[in-house]
Amino acid sequence: MWHAKLSLGFEKQINRTILKHRKHNGPLRVQKALWPEATGVCHVIIVHPPAGFAGGDELSIEVSVGQDSHALITTPGAGKWYASTGQTARQAIELQVADNAILEWLPQETMLFNQAIAESQTTIHLATSAAFIGWDILVIGRQSRAEKFDTGQYHNQLNLWQNGQLLVKDQLAFKGNDRWLSSPLGINQQAVSGAFYAVPPQVCRDEANLDEHINILRNLMSRMKVPVHLTRLGYAVIARYLGNDTRQCLDAFSGLRAKCRREWFGLDEELPRIWKT
């Protein structure tokens, strides 16, 4: 059993964001901090050497993004919830973003093995003028083995707050062989389920701007011909993918991110370099 914790703090210094605070306990750490963009966005890669969560593991990630800074956090590969003999694996993620700061939370997909017992909770606190782009992609069963989730249980919750107001609350809970996995009212035997979340900067939150932006994103998904549906909760933009192709989901969400970056921040797409290796 692994008990691991990672705490990160970002701060704006002169013309770039730096990783000012970094503390870890156990096998969870930063592989590298990079500055591939002229604007000084700090790209950070988080690694968990065991590559996944076994029963009894407890992992915690805390991130603080200081005022006026811009951080991008990703992972080098897929995460995994391994089969358990009865103990629960748990993950807790807490993200704090200060005024006029931007956080891009872009982990690669997480695979749910048959017999896994998993709990994950993500809490995002945004200051009034903070902006956020992030996603969560779940792959149920190992597709290469045509594995189904016959035994085990999974519980995932995400709460996104801004200035003390709850903008988004997502919760997903199911057990092995749950009817929800096969029902047309559930995921209808699809293996890949993804959610994309974006909160624009304060200057882009008027109704006309948001409606135009949603239409731009919908047109993009239509041209890409992917099973992604977009909606708006207040000024938060939500997209959901349901299908069987992890790469298709990642590409679609990356396209949405690129459009949001361009429209809201005037930035190029600039994919994390680790994705290209």
Protein backbone atom coordinates (compact mmCIF):
# COMPACT_ATOMS: atom_id res chain seq x y z
CA MET A 1 0.00 0.00 0.00
CA TRP A 2 1.26 3.45 -0.93
CA HIS A 3 0.37 6.63 0.93
CA ALA A 4 1.60 9.57 -1.09
CA LYS A 5 1.09 13.33 -1.11
CA LEU A 6 2.22 16.08 -3.46
CA SER A 7 1.90 19.82 -2.77
CA LEU A 8 2.67 22.42 -5.45
CA GLY A 9 2.60 26.22 -5.43
CA PHE A 10 2.95 28.49 -8.46
CA GLU A 11 3.84 32.17 -8.47
CA LYS A 12 4.25 34.87 -11.12
CA GLN A 13 7.77 36.32 -11.26
CA ILE A 14 8.61 39.06 -13.77
CA ASN A 15 7.81 37.49 -17.16
CA ARG A 16 6.96 33.90 -16.28
CA THR A 17 5.25 31.60 -13.77
CA ILE A 18 7.55 29.57 -11.55
CA LEU A 19 7.04 26.48 -9.42
CA LYS A 20 7.94 28.12 -6.13
CA HIS A 21 6.74 25.42 -3.76
CA ARG A 22 7.15 21.67 -4.20
CA LYS A 23 6.84 19.07 -1.46
CA HIS A 24 6.21 15.35 -1.72
CA ASN A 25 5.83 12.32 0.48
CA GLY A 26 5.89 8.86 -1.06
CA PRO A 27 5.98 7.95 -4.76
CA LEU A 28 4.28 11.03 -6.19
CA ARG A 29 6.37 13.87 -7.55
CA VAL A 30 7.12 16.36 -10.30
CA GLN A 31 9.12 14.91 -13.15
CA LYS A 32 9.90 18.26 -14.71
CA ALA A 33 8.85 21.90 -15.00
CA LEU A 34 9.12 23.42 -18.50
CA TRP A 35 8.58 26.82 -20.10
CA PRO A 36 7.90 26.11 -23.80
CA GLU A 37 5.79 29.24 -24.35
CA ALA A 38 7.02 32.80 -24.82
CA THR A 39 4.35 33.97 -22.38
CA GLY A 40 6.03 32.05 -19.54
CA VAL A 41 3.32 29.46 -18.81
CA CYS A 42 4.77 26.84 -16.46
CA HIS A 43 4.19 23.28 -17.74
CA VAL A 44 4.54 20.62 -15.03
CA ILE A 45 4.52 16.83 -15.37
CA ILE A 46 3.34 14.82 -12.37
CA VAL A 47 4.50 11.22 -12.14
CA HIS A 48 3.40 8.35 -9.94
CA PRO A 49 6.10 5.67 -10.45
CA PRO A 50 3.86 2.70 -9.46
CA ALA A 51 1.75 3.81 -12.48
CA GLY A 52 -1.55 3.13 -10.79
CA PHE A 53 -3.62 2.70 -7.63
CA ALA A 54 -3.86 -0.63 -5.82
CA GLY A 55 -6.29 -1.47 -3.02
CA GLY A 56 -5.42 0.47 0.12
CA ASP A 57 -3.43 3.19 -1.67
CA GLU A 58 -4.15 6.80 -0.71
CA LEU A 59 -2.89 9.64 -2.90
CA SER A 60 -3.35 13.36 -2.35
CA ILE A 61 -2.51 16.26 -4.68
CA GLU A 62 -2.75 19.90 -3.62
CA VAL A 63 -2.10 22.72 -6.09
CA SER A 64 -2.09 26.47 -5.45
CA VAL A 65 -1.81 28.85 -8.41
CA GLY A 66 -0.93 32.37 -7.29
CA GLN A 67 -2.32 35.66 -8.56
CA ASP A 68 -1.59 36.48 -12.25
CA SER A 69 0.20 33.16 -12.81
CA HIS A 70 -0.54 30.47 -15.42
CA ALA A 71 0.18 26.79 -14.79
CA LEU A 72 -0.42 23.69 -16.90
CA ILE A 73 -0.31 20.29 -15.20
CA THR A 74 -0.38 16.93 -16.96
CA THR A 75 0.76 13.31 -16.62
CA PRO A 76 3.12 11.23 -18.82
CA GLY A 77 0.66 8.40 -19.43
CA ALA A 78 -2.56 6.73 -18.43
CA GLY A 79 -3.38 6.24 -14.76
CA LYS A 80 -4.74 2.89 -13.61
CA TRP A 81 -7.09 1.67 -10.91
CA TYR A 82 -5.88 -1.91 -10.36
CA ALA A 83 -7.92 -4.90 -9.22
CA SER A 84 -8.38 -5.09 -5.46
CA THR A 85 -8.82 -7.96 -3.04
CA GLY A 86 -11.21 -5.88 -0.97
CA GLN A 87 -9.51 -2.64 0.06
CA THR A 88 -10.41 0.73 -1.40
CA ALA A 89 -7.93 2.88 -3.31
CA ARG A 90 -8.47 6.61 -2.80
CA GLN A 91 -7.37 9.78 -4.54
CA ALA A 92 -8.01 13.36 -3.39
CA ILE A 93 -7.19 16.37 -5.56
CA GLU A 94 -7.56 19.98 -4.40
CA LEU A 95 -6.87 22.85 -6.79
CA GLN A 96 -6.79 26.51 -5.70
CA VAL A 97 -6.57 29.28 -8.31
CA ALA A 98 -6.13 32.94 -7.30
CA ASP A 99 -7.42 36.09 -9.00
CA ASN A 100 -6.34 36.66 -12.62
CA ALA A 101 -4.62 33.27 -12.59
CA ILE A 102 -5.15 30.38 -15.01
CA LEU A 103 -4.88 26.65 -14.34
CA GLU A 104 -4.96 23.98 -17.05
CA TRP A 105 -5.48 20.57 -15.45
CA LEU A 106 -4.87 18.03 -18.25
CA PRO A 107 -4.25 14.51 -16.92
CA GLN A 108 -4.23 11.67 -19.42
CA GLU A 109 -6.93 9.03 -19.16
CA THR A 110 -7.52 6.73 -16.18
CA MET A 111 -8.18 3.02 -16.75
CA LEU A 112 -10.54 1.15 -14.43
CA PHE A 113 -9.54 -2.52 -14.18
CA ASN A 114 -12.09 -5.19 -13.40
CA GLN A 115 -12.35 -5.80 -9.62
CA ALA A 116 -11.02 -2.34 -8.78
CA ILE A 117 -12.49 -0.57 -5.74
CA ALA A 118 -11.84 3.12 -6.30
CA GLU A 119 -12.80 6.49 -4.87
CA SER A 120 -11.68 9.81 -6.32
CA GLN A 121 -12.59 13.34 -5.32
CA THR A 122 -11.55 16.55 -7.05
CA THR A 123 -12.28 19.96 -5.55
CA ILE A 124 -11.52 23.14 -7.48
CA HIS A 125 -11.66 26.56 -5.83
CA LEU A 126 -11.43 29.55 -8.17
CA ALA A 127 -11.12 33.15 -7.04
CA THR A 128 -13.51 35.66 -8.63
CA SER A 129 -11.42 36.45 -11.70
CA ALA A 130 -9.61 33.10 -12.03
CA ALA A 131 -9.95 30.90 -15.15
CA PHE A 132 -9.77 27.13 -15.52
CA ILE A 133 -9.56 24.47 -18.25
CA GLY A 134 -9.53 20.79 -17.31
CA TRP A 135 -10.87 17.34 -17.98
CA ASP A 136 -11.43 13.87 -16.58
CA ILE A 137 -11.38 10.80 -18.86
CA LEU A 138 -12.34 7.33 -17.63
CA VAL A 139 -11.74 4.09 -19.56
CA ILE A 140 -13.78 1.20 -18.16
CA GLY A 141 -11.96 -2.11 -18.55
CA ARG A 142 -8.84 -2.89 -20.57
CA GLN A 143 -9.99 -2.58 -24.17
CA SER A 144 -7.09 -4.64 -25.54
CA ARG A 145 -8.43 -7.60 -23.54
CA ALA A 146 -12.12 -6.84 -24.11
CA GLU A 147 -12.34 -6.64 -20.32
CA LYS A 148 -15.65 -5.74 -18.69
CA PHE A 149 -16.21 -4.27 -15.24
CA ASP A 150 -17.98 -7.27 -13.72
CA THR A 151 -16.82 -6.89 -10.11
CA GLY A 152 -15.79 -3.93 -7.98
CA GLN A 153 -17.01 -0.40 -7.52
CA TYR A 154 -16.14 3.13 -8.59
CA HIS A 155 -17.04 6.50 -7.10
CA ASN A 156 -15.87 9.79 -8.57
CA GLN A 157 -16.92 13.28 -7.50
CA LEU A 158 -15.92 16.71 -8.78
CA ASN A 159 -16.92 20.03 -7.24
CA LEU A 160 -15.97 23.26 -8.99
CA TRP A 161 -16.39 26.44 -6.93
CA GLN A 162 -15.86 30.10 -7.76
CA ASN A 163 -15.84 32.79 -5.11
CA GLY A 164 -17.75 30.46 -2.77
CA GLN A 165 -20.42 29.59 -5.35
CA LEU A 166 -20.78 26.01 -6.59
CA LEU A 167 -20.63 26.13 -10.42
CA VAL A 168 -20.42 22.42 -11.21
CA LYS A 169 -21.04 19.27 -9.21
CA ASP A 170 -20.43 15.97 -10.99
CA GLN A 171 -20.81 12.57 -9.39
CA LEU A 172 -20.42 9.12 -10.88
CA ALA A 173 -20.91 5.92 -8.90
CA PHE A 174 -21.43 2.36 -10.08
CA LYS A 175 -20.66 -1.25 -9.19
CA GLY A 176 -19.47 -4.18 -11.24
CA ASN A 177 -22.05 -5.40 -13.74
CA ASP A 178 -24.22 -2.40 -12.90
CA ARG A 179 -27.23 -1.93 -15.17
CA TRP A 180 -25.99 1.63 -15.79
CA LEU A 181 -23.05 0.19 -17.77
CA SER A 182 -25.31 -1.45 -20.37
CA SER A 183 -28.49 0.64 -20.28
CA PRO A 184 -29.23 3.15 -23.09
CA LEU A 185 -29.97 5.55 -20.22
CA GLY A 186 -26.44 4.96 -18.93
CA ILE A 187 -23.30 4.55 -21.00
CA ASN A 188 -24.82 1.85 -23.22
CA GLN A 189 -21.77 -0.47 -23.20
CA GLN A 190 -19.39 2.31 -24.21
CA ALA A 191 -15.93 2.08 -22.64
CA VAL A 192 -14.74 5.71 -22.64
CA SER A 193 -16.47 8.48 -20.71
CA GLY A 194 -14.98 11.97 -20.58
CA ALA A 195 -15.91 15.35 -19.11
CA PHE A 196 -14.33 18.68 -20.08
CA TYR A 197 -14.70 21.76 -17.87
CA ALA A 198 -13.80 25.36 -18.66
CA VAL A 199 -14.37 28.60 -16.79
CA PRO A 200 -13.55 31.75 -18.80
CA PRO A 201 -11.79 34.83 -17.48
CA GLN A 202 -14.07 37.46 -16.02
CA VAL A 203 -14.03 39.67 -19.15
CA CYS A 204 -15.52 36.81 -21.24
CA ARG A 205 -18.52 35.94 -19.06
CA ASP A 206 -21.29 38.00 -20.64
CA GLU A 207 -24.18 36.06 -22.21
CA ALA A 208 -23.55 37.08 -25.82
CA ASN A 209 -19.86 36.19 -25.66
CA LEU A 210 -20.55 32.81 -24.07
CA ASP A 211 -23.32 31.87 -26.51
CA GLU A 212 -21.05 32.71 -29.44
CA HIS A 213 -18.22 30.72 -27.90
CA ILE A 214 -20.43 27.65 -27.34
CA ASN A 215 -21.50 27.79 -31.01
CA ILE A 216 -17.85 27.96 -32.10
CA LEU A 217 -17.03 24.90 -29.99
CA ARG A 218 -20.07 22.98 -31.27
CA ASN A 219 -19.11 23.72 -34.86
CA LEU A 220 -15.60 22.45 -34.13
CA MET A 221 -16.92 19.17 -32.71
CA SER A 222 -19.26 18.82 -35.70
CA ARG A 223 -16.34 19.19 -38.10
CA MET A 224 -14.29 16.66 -36.10
CA LYS A 225 -17.29 14.28 -36.19
CA VAL A 226 -16.92 13.15 -32.61
CA PRO A 227 -19.60 12.16 -30.05
CA VAL A 228 -19.12 15.25 -27.87
CA HIS A 229 -22.00 17.35 -26.55
CA LEU A 230 -21.60 20.82 -25.08
CA THR A 231 -23.65 22.80 -22.64
CA ARG A 232 -23.32 25.75 -20.28
CA LEU A 233 -23.90 25.91 -16.54
CA GLY A 234 -24.03 29.63 -15.87
CA TYR A 235 -20.77 30.74 -17.47
CA ALA A 236 -19.01 27.36 -17.04
CA VAL A 237 -18.60 25.43 -20.29
CA ILE A 238 -19.11 21.66 -20.03
CA ALA A 239 -18.46 19.05 -22.72
CA ARG A 240 -19.05 15.30 -22.48
CA TYR A 241 -17.70 12.47 -24.58
CA LEU A 242 -19.13 8.96 -24.72
CA GLY A 243 -17.62 6.37 -27.04
CA ASN A 244 -14.98 3.69 -27.37
CA ASP A 245 -11.92 5.59 -28.58
CA THR A 246 -9.60 7.13 -25.98
CA ARG A 247 -7.51 8.91 -28.61
CA GLN A 248 -10.63 10.40 -30.16
CA CYS A 249 -11.70 11.75 -26.77
CA LEU A 250 -8.27 13.24 -26.05
CA ASP A 251 -8.09 14.81 -29.50
CA ALA A 252 -11.57 16.30 -29.13
CA PHE A 253 -10.85 17.76 -25.69
CA SER A 254 -7.49 19.05 -26.92
CA GLY A 255 -9.35 20.81 -29.75
CA LEU A 256 -11.76 22.40 -27.27
CA ARG A 257 -8.87 23.51 -25.10
CA ALA A 258 -7.07 25.03 -28.10
CA LYS A 259 -10.16 27.07 -29.03
CA CYS A 260 -10.66 28.26 -25.45
CA ARG A 261 -7.00 29.28 -25.23
CA ARG A 262 -7.21 31.24 -28.46
CA GLU A 263 -10.57 32.91 -27.79
CA TRP A 264 -10.05 33.71 -24.11
CA PHE A 265 -6.31 34.24 -23.68
CA GLY A 266 -4.94 34.83 -27.18
CA LEU A 267 -2.62 31.83 -26.80
CA ASP A 268 -1.59 29.10 -29.23
CA GLU A 269 -2.48 25.47 -28.55
CA GLU A 270 1.01 24.41 -27.30
CA LEU A 271 0.46 20.76 -26.40
CA PRO A 272 2.52 19.40 -23.49
CA ARG A 273 5.77 18.02 -24.87
CA ILE A 274 5.41 14.75 -22.97
CA TRP A 275 2.41 13.87 -25.16
CA LYS A 276 4.68 13.85 -28.21
CA THR A 277 7.14 11.29 -26.85
